[in-house]
Protein backbone atom coordinates (compact mmCIF):
# COMPACT_ATOMS: atom_id res chain seq x y z
CA MET A 1 -2.33 -1.75 22.98
CA LEU A 2 -3.67 -2.45 19.42
CA PRO A 3 -3.86 0.75 17.40
CA ALA A 4 -7.04 2.77 17.37
CA ARG A 5 -8.88 1.70 13.64
CA GLN A 6 -9.07 4.32 10.98
CA ASP A 7 -12.42 4.00 10.30
CA THR A 8 -13.88 5.74 6.84
CA ARG A 9 -17.06 5.10 4.93
CA PHE A 10 -14.97 3.01 2.28
CA ARG A 11 -11.69 1.21 2.18
CA LEU A 12 -8.93 0.57 -0.26
CA ALA A 13 -9.66 -2.63 -0.79
CA GLU A 14 -13.24 -1.82 -2.47
CA VAL A 15 -11.96 0.56 -5.26
CA LEU A 16 -10.86 -2.13 -7.89
CA PRO A 17 -13.69 -4.41 -7.44
CA ASP A 18 -16.07 -1.55 -7.33
CA SER A 19 -14.58 -0.13 -10.78
CA LEU A 20 -15.37 -3.63 -12.42
CA ALA A 21 -18.69 -3.82 -10.97
CA THR A 22 -19.61 -0.53 -12.66
CA VAL A 23 -17.94 -1.63 -15.82
CA LEU A 24 -20.14 -4.10 -16.04
CA GLY A 25 -23.12 -2.41 -15.17
CA GLU A 26 -23.60 -3.98 -11.39
CA SER A 27 -24.11 -1.61 -8.32
CA SER A 28 -21.30 -0.25 -6.70
CA GLN A 29 -20.65 -0.25 -2.62
CA LEU A 30 -18.77 3.10 -3.15
CA GLY A 31 -21.66 4.87 -5.24
CA LEU A 32 -19.59 4.94 -8.24
CA PRO A 33 -21.55 6.68 -11.36
CA PRO A 34 -21.90 4.67 -14.09
CA ALA A 35 -19.23 4.31 -16.32
CA ARG A 36 -17.77 1.89 -19.07
CA ARG A 37 -13.92 2.86 -18.93
CA ILE A 38 -12.42 3.58 -15.50
CA VAL A 39 -8.74 4.26 -14.66
CA VAL A 40 -7.63 3.90 -11.18
CA ALA A 41 -4.43 6.13 -10.75
CA LEU A 42 -2.69 5.17 -7.91
CA VAL A 43 -0.07 7.78 -6.43
CA ASP A 44 2.10 6.00 -4.18
CA GLY A 45 2.65 7.63 -0.65
CA LEU A 46 0.05 10.51 -0.99
CA GLY A 47 -1.29 10.47 2.10
CA ALA A 48 -4.55 12.53 2.98
CA ALA A 49 -2.94 14.61 5.66
CA ALA A 50 -0.02 15.58 3.02
CA LEU A 51 -2.27 16.41 0.65
CA ARG A 52 -4.28 18.65 2.63
CA GLU A 53 -1.35 20.42 3.96
CA ARG A 54 -0.03 21.05 0.32
CA ILE A 55 -3.40 21.48 -1.49
CA GLY A 56 -2.30 24.43 -2.81
CA HIS A 57 0.13 22.80 -4.92
CA ALA A 58 -2.25 20.27 -6.28
CA ARG A 59 -5.03 22.55 -7.63
CA ARG A 60 -6.50 20.15 -10.13
CA LEU A 61 -6.30 17.22 -6.93
CA ALA A 62 -8.06 19.74 -5.07
CA SER A 63 -11.14 20.22 -7.15
CA ALA A 64 -12.19 16.73 -5.96
CA PHE A 65 -10.64 16.40 -2.55
CA THR A 66 -13.77 16.98 -0.06
CA ARG A 67 -14.73 15.80 3.48
CA GLY A 68 -15.87 12.33 2.05
CA SER A 69 -12.98 11.94 -0.32
CA THR A 70 -10.75 10.06 2.63
CA ILE A 71 -10.84 6.36 2.84
CA SER A 72 -8.54 4.19 4.84
CA VAL A 73 -6.03 1.80 3.58
CA GLY A 74 -5.24 -1.80 5.58
CA PHE A 75 -2.48 -3.02 7.67
CA PRO A 76 0.52 -2.68 7.51
CA SER A 77 0.36 0.58 5.44
CA THR A 78 3.25 -0.52 3.09
CA THR A 79 3.40 -0.79 -0.75
CA ALA A 80 3.49 -4.53 -1.31
CA ALA A 81 0.78 -5.51 0.93
CA MET A 82 -1.58 -2.53 0.09
CA ILE A 83 -1.14 -2.84 -3.67
CA THR A 84 -2.10 -6.41 -3.26
CA THR A 85 -4.94 -5.17 -1.27
CA LEU A 86 -6.14 -2.79 -4.24
CA THR A 87 -5.60 -5.35 -6.75
CA THR A 88 -7.31 -8.38 -5.20
CA GLY A 89 -10.10 -6.57 -3.18
CA ALA A 90 -8.56 -8.72 -0.11
CA ASP A 91 -6.75 -7.80 2.97
CA PRO A 92 -3.19 -9.22 3.54
CA GLY A 93 -4.35 -12.03 6.13
CA GLU A 94 -5.81 -13.22 2.84
CA HIS A 95 -3.61 -12.28 -0.08
CA GLY A 96 -0.37 -13.09 1.72
CA LEU A 97 1.59 -10.32 1.34
CA VAL A 98 1.62 -9.26 5.07
CA GLY A 99 4.52 -6.73 5.16
CA TYR A 100 7.30 -4.98 3.48
CA ALA A 101 9.60 -8.01 4.18
CA ALA A 102 8.00 -11.41 5.59
CA LEU A 103 9.12 -14.71 6.80
CA ASP A 104 9.63 -17.04 3.98
CA ALA A 105 9.21 -20.19 6.51
CA ALA A 106 9.68 -22.86 3.85
CA ASN A 107 13.47 -21.45 3.22
CA ASP A 108 13.91 -20.14 7.11
CA ARG A 109 14.78 -16.69 5.54
CA VAL A 110 12.77 -13.03 5.30
CA LEU A 111 12.02 -12.39 1.96
CA ASN A 112 11.65 -8.72 0.69
CA LEU A 113 8.17 -8.81 -0.91
CA LEU A 114 8.91 -5.52 -3.26
CA ASN A 115 12.26 -6.59 -4.83
CA GLY A 116 13.85 -9.72 -3.09
CA TRP A 117 12.11 -12.49 -5.10
CA ASP A 118 14.48 -15.25 -6.43
CA ALA A 119 13.90 -18.69 -7.91
CA GLN A 120 12.94 -19.95 -4.77
CA SER A 121 10.02 -17.80 -4.17
CA ASP A 122 6.88 -18.21 -6.45
CA PRO A 123 4.63 -15.66 -6.79
CA LEU A 124 1.57 -17.64 -7.43
CA ALA A 125 2.28 -19.76 -4.03
CA TRP A 126 3.00 -16.31 -2.36
CA GLN A 127 -0.46 -14.95 -3.46
CA SER A 128 -3.17 -17.08 -4.82
CA VAL A 129 -6.18 -14.76 -4.79
CA PRO A 130 -7.19 -13.94 -8.30
CA THR A 131 -6.48 -10.33 -9.04
CA VAL A 132 -9.42 -7.92 -10.39
CA PHE A 133 -7.72 -7.82 -13.48
CA GLU A 134 -7.96 -11.69 -13.92
CA ARG A 135 -11.88 -11.41 -13.15
CA ALA A 136 -12.37 -8.70 -15.67
CA VAL A 137 -10.84 -10.49 -18.42
CA ALA A 138 -12.68 -13.49 -17.05
CA ALA A 139 -15.60 -11.46 -17.87
CA GLY A 140 -14.89 -9.85 -21.19
CA ILE A 141 -13.16 -6.50 -19.89
CA PRO A 142 -9.66 -5.55 -21.29
CA ALA A 143 -7.51 -4.78 -18.40
CA VAL A 144 -4.32 -2.85 -18.37
CA VAL A 145 -1.44 -1.81 -16.18
CA ILE A 146 0.28 1.55 -16.90
CA ALA A 147 3.78 1.79 -15.18
CA PRO A 148 7.20 2.40 -15.22
CA PRO A 149 9.39 -0.17 -17.57
CA ARG A 150 11.42 -1.38 -14.63
CA TYR A 151 8.45 -3.11 -13.02
CA ARG A 152 7.19 -5.45 -16.11
CA ASP A 153 8.80 -8.50 -15.40
CA SER A 154 9.39 -8.36 -11.39
CA ARG A 155 7.76 -11.19 -9.64
CA PHE A 156 5.69 -8.80 -7.58
CA THR A 157 4.06 -7.56 -10.67
CA GLN A 158 3.39 -11.41 -11.12
CA ALA A 159 1.80 -11.71 -7.83
CA ALA A 160 -0.16 -8.36 -7.66
CA LEU A 161 -1.07 -7.47 -11.21
CA ARG A 162 -1.17 -10.59 -13.19
CA GLY A 163 -4.12 -10.50 -15.51
CA ALA A 164 -3.51 -7.24 -17.02
CA GLU A 165 -1.53 -6.12 -20.06
CA TYR A 166 1.25 -4.16 -18.87
CA LEU A 167 1.88 -1.18 -20.91
CA PRO A 168 5.20 0.14 -19.99
CA ALA A 169 6.04 4.42 -19.97
CA ALA A 170 8.73 6.11 -18.34
CA THR A 171 7.53 9.35 -17.18
CA ILE A 172 4.10 10.71 -15.21
CA GLU A 173 3.13 12.59 -17.95
CA GLU A 174 3.65 9.54 -20.76
CA ARG A 175 1.69 7.43 -18.57
CA ALA A 176 -1.25 9.90 -18.22
CA ALA A 177 -1.30 9.86 -22.03
CA ARG A 178 -0.89 6.46 -22.54
CA ALA A 179 -4.08 6.13 -20.19
CA VAL A 180 -5.94 8.60 -22.56
CA ALA A 181 -4.91 6.45 -25.45
CA GLU A 182 -6.60 3.40 -23.66
CA LEU A 183 -9.82 5.13 -23.05
CA ARG A 184 -10.03 6.20 -26.70
CA ARG A 185 -9.28 2.27 -27.55
CA HIS A 186 -11.53 0.44 -25.57
CA GLU A 187 -15.07 0.29 -25.63
CA ARG A 188 -15.05 -1.14 -21.78
CA LEU A 189 -11.79 -0.92 -19.75
CA ILE A 190 -10.40 -1.12 -16.53
CA ALA A 191 -6.98 0.62 -16.40
CA TYR A 192 -4.44 0.55 -13.35
CA LEU A 193 -2.08 3.64 -13.69
CA TYR A 194 0.94 3.35 -11.35
CA ILE A 195 2.94 6.91 -9.73
CA PRO A 196 5.84 5.66 -7.73
CA GLU A 197 7.52 9.05 -7.80
CA LEU A 198 6.44 10.80 -4.78
CA ASP A 199 7.29 7.64 -2.60
CA VAL A 200 10.66 7.70 -4.02
CA VAL A 201 10.99 11.03 -3.34
CA ALA A 202 9.45 11.06 0.15
CA HIS A 203 12.07 8.18 1.29
CA ARG A 204 15.29 10.32 0.01
CA HIS A 205 14.06 13.70 0.96
CA GLY A 206 10.88 13.47 3.10
CA VAL A 207 7.15 14.22 2.47
CA GLU A 208 7.66 17.97 4.12
CA SER A 209 10.39 18.40 1.30
CA GLY A 210 10.42 21.17 -1.64
CA GLU A 211 11.23 18.14 -3.63
CA TRP A 212 7.97 16.15 -2.51
CA THR A 213 6.30 19.10 -3.24
CA ALA A 214 7.41 19.42 -6.99
CA ALA A 215 7.05 16.09 -7.42
CA LEU A 216 3.38 16.61 -6.27
CA GLU A 217 2.79 19.45 -8.52
CA GLN A 218 4.00 17.16 -11.46
CA ALA A 219 1.70 14.39 -10.60
CA ASP A 220 -1.19 16.74 -10.41
CA ALA A 221 -0.57 18.47 -13.59
CA ALA A 222 -0.47 15.08 -15.49
CA LEU A 223 -3.78 13.69 -13.71
CA GLY A 224 -5.30 17.04 -14.52
CA GLU A 225 -4.56 16.60 -18.23
CA LEU A 226 -5.72 13.01 -18.00
CA ALA A 227 -9.21 14.29 -16.15
CA ARG A 228 -9.70 16.63 -19.04
CA ALA A 229 -9.45 14.05 -21.73
CA LEU A 230 -12.28 11.90 -19.90
CA GLY A 231 -15.41 11.46 -22.13
CA PRO A 232 -18.78 10.87 -20.95
CA ASP A 233 -18.73 7.24 -20.19
CA ASP A 234 -14.94 7.84 -18.49
CA LEU A 235 -14.26 7.76 -14.75
CA LEU A 236 -10.89 8.50 -13.42
CA LEU A 237 -10.19 7.71 -9.54
CA VAL A 238 -7.15 8.84 -8.00
CA THR A 239 -5.92 7.13 -4.81
CA ALA A 240 -2.86 5.75 -2.76
CA ASP A 241 -1.56 3.04 -0.97
CA HIS A 242 -0.37 4.74 2.03
CA GLY A 243 0.61 7.98 3.51
CA VAL A 244 4.30 9.13 4.75
CA VAL A 245 5.73 10.50 7.97
CA ASP A 246 9.03 12.12 8.37
CA ILE A 247 11.25 10.36 11.06
CA PRO A 248 14.58 12.95 11.44
CA ALA A 249 17.78 11.25 12.49
CA GLU A 250 17.17 12.15 16.04
CA SER A 251 14.23 10.00 16.23
CA HIS A 252 15.75 6.81 15.21
CA VAL A 253 15.35 4.19 17.88
CA VAL A 254 18.26 1.33 18.69
CA PRO A 255 16.85 -0.56 21.36
CA ASP A 256 19.45 -2.63 23.43
CA ALA A 257 20.46 -5.84 22.03
CA ALA A 258 19.18 -7.95 24.85
CA LEU A 259 15.61 -7.14 23.33
CA PHE A 260 16.72 -9.16 20.35
CA ALA A 261 17.93 -12.07 22.32
CA GLU A 262 14.89 -14.18 21.46
CA VAL A 263 14.43 -12.90 17.75
CA ARG A 264 15.50 -15.31 15.11
CA HIS A 265 14.20 -13.30 12.05
CA LEU A 266 13.29 -9.74 11.85
CA ALA A 267 10.71 -8.72 9.11
CA GLY A 268 8.43 -5.79 8.76
CA GLU A 269 10.16 -2.55 8.35
CA PRO A 270 11.21 0.38 10.84
CA ARG A 271 7.71 1.73 11.64
CA CYS A 272 6.23 -1.80 11.98
CA LEU A 273 8.82 -4.58 13.23
CA GLN A 274 7.66 -8.21 13.04
CA LEU A 275 9.63 -10.48 15.13
CA HIS A 276 9.94 -14.07 14.74
CA LEU A 277 11.19 -15.83 17.82
CA GLU A 278 13.62 -18.65 18.77
CA PRO A 279 11.49 -21.66 19.95
CA PRO A 280 10.15 -21.60 22.73
CA ALA A 281 10.24 -18.48 23.63
CA ASP A 282 6.87 -17.00 24.84
CA ALA A 283 5.59 -14.31 22.44
CA ALA A 284 3.13 -12.67 25.18
CA ALA A 285 6.24 -12.19 27.88
CA THR A 286 8.14 -10.95 24.73
CA ALA A 287 5.30 -8.40 23.74
CA ALA A 288 5.17 -7.24 27.47
CA THR A 289 9.21 -6.57 27.67
CA TRP A 290 9.16 -4.78 24.37
CA GLN A 291 5.94 -2.68 25.52
CA ARG A 292 7.56 -1.89 28.70
CA VAL A 293 10.87 -0.81 27.31
CA LEU A 294 9.33 1.44 24.31
CA GLY A 295 6.83 2.66 26.18
CA ARG A 296 4.06 5.20 24.51
CA SER A 297 6.43 5.40 21.34
CA ALA A 298 4.72 1.93 20.16
CA TRP A 299 1.81 -0.36 20.65
CA VAL A 300 3.17 -3.97 20.76
CA ALA A 301 0.88 -7.06 20.49
CA THR A 302 1.17 -10.85 19.71
CA ARG A 303 0.43 -12.28 16.44
CA ASP A 304 -2.74 -13.74 18.00
CA GLU A 305 -3.71 -10.36 19.22
CA ALA A 306 -2.99 -8.79 15.99
CA VAL A 307 -5.26 -11.16 13.97
CA ALA A 308 -8.17 -11.38 16.48
CA GLY A 309 -7.75 -7.32 16.59
CA GLY A 310 -8.85 -7.53 12.80
CA LEU A 311 -5.42 -6.02 12.10
CA PHE A 312 -4.84 -8.20 8.91
CA GLY A 313 -8.31 -8.67 7.93
CA GLU A 314 -11.76 -9.94 9.41
CA PRO A 315 -10.15 -12.58 11.83
CA GLY A 316 -12.18 -15.44 10.17
CA ARG A 317 -10.86 -14.59 6.82
CA VAL A 318 -7.25 -15.14 7.86
CA ASP A 319 -5.56 -17.93 5.85
CA ALA A 320 -4.04 -20.00 8.32
CA ARG A 321 -1.21 -20.94 6.00
CA ILE A 322 -0.74 -17.34 5.82
CA LEU A 323 -0.20 -16.79 9.57
CA PRO A 324 3.59 -18.06 9.85
CA ARG A 325 4.55 -15.24 8.02
CA ILE A 326 3.31 -12.84 10.32
CA GLY A 327 5.75 -12.03 13.15
CA ASP A 328 5.00 -13.80 16.52
CA VAL A 329 5.20 -9.78 17.95
CA LEU A 330 4.20 -6.95 15.92
CA VAL A 331 6.07 -3.57 17.36
CA GLY A 332 4.27 -0.40 15.58
CA ALA A 333 5.17 3.16 15.90
CA ARG A 334 2.80 5.12 17.63
CA ALA A 335 5.14 8.41 17.66
CA ARG A 336 7.33 9.70 15.05
CA VAL A 337 9.91 7.14 15.45
CA ALA A 338 11.59 4.49 13.77
CA PHE A 339 12.93 0.92 15.52
CA TYR A 340 16.42 -0.22 14.18
CA ARG A 341 18.01 -3.27 15.06
CA ASP A 342 21.44 -1.97 14.34
CA SER A 343 22.88 1.86 14.04
CA ASP A 344 24.55 1.16 11.15
CA SER A 345 21.26 0.06 9.33
CA PRO A 346 21.38 1.12 5.55
CA ALA A 347 17.58 1.96 6.27
CA ARG A 348 18.46 4.58 8.63
CA GLY A 349 19.03 6.89 5.49
CA MET A 350 15.42 7.43 4.67
CA VAL A 351 13.64 10.17 5.53
CA GLY A 352 10.22 9.64 4.79
CA GLN A 353 8.65 6.42 6.15
CA HIS A 354 5.62 4.37 6.64
CA GLY A 355 4.24 1.00 7.89
CA SER A 356 2.31 1.58 10.99
CA ALA A 357 -1.25 2.41 11.94
CA THR A 358 -1.13 6.19 12.40
CA PRO A 359 -3.74 8.37 10.41
CA GLU A 360 -0.98 9.92 8.75
CA GLU A 361 -0.23 6.51 7.10
CA MET A 362 -3.36 5.00 6.84
CA LEU A 363 -5.44 7.58 5.43
CA VAL A 364 -5.25 8.35 1.82
CA PRO A 365 -7.58 10.28 -0.80
CA LEU A 366 -9.89 8.84 -3.04
CA LEU A 367 -10.78 11.47 -5.98
CA ARG A 368 -13.43 10.78 -8.66
CA PHE A 369 -13.35 12.86 -11.99
CA ARG A 370 -16.21 12.07 -14.42
CA GLY A 371 -15.82 13.47 -18.30
CA ALA A 372 -18.21 15.70 -19.87
């Protein structure tokens, strides 16, 4: 019972590689206009559905939000996986960051791929695909990342953003202003501007909250200022890594402990669990049991089914070395629910969530702004 594919004309994986191609004067799959300098602004958690519902609070973004400006992200719809897909042009089955948390088989543990790295986890070993930034610099194009200071020295940054000069800026407004300065400083440029604030607010208060709407207005104003500062050879692309759905506490599902009897490690996140089983448990039998218990609220698949179905990228391109990081069984939410192993899980404090393959999570905007 694999989820339906969210087919769109373009995909997140194409955005940065096509931006580099455009700056190099090559053809673009996205049909980007000629540009010598491109800023790709990623607004973490800005789903197309949420933007459409609050379009009156995003007047500047609204001007570029048309019927053809929605693209699909990959799976799973989570930050660690999808930022890396953006910055490498590869799917998780190739770049290796296959979820929010994934099995570190060498150390028999689950590793948080955003902020759980330690001395036992080498970012270059986990993610060996060259980034678009590395390819840009090799081609003589400056590459910069403009993001909050707290991420500058993180191991996730080393895995996903290596090759670019990291330019820290604390607020959304400061980041947008720094992007303008970089556009004026370089003859040619690939810049990545990261705005995490909406996702942070969504987890805490929900995407349907007043706080999230206020954060959208703030991002819209700053990006509007950036768009107005573009010159004739500049291009701004605004996109996202995933959307968000609000999951009220009454929609939290804590399955009977017996379902976890064969689970050695639990990875993924509440909207898409990845179950790593104790040998010699049978993945197909375990998947059938979970599907029978959860019914229409979830889709359940074995690793083999998920890979063959293209969830982690083109089946023939999924790296065999990465397969053990993917759960033996995947449990994804179809409905507005989230799954927890324990009733007292700290993650139950999150309101806005993502990770599964619903349209609200998988479809994001790709907005284009060209300078005059």
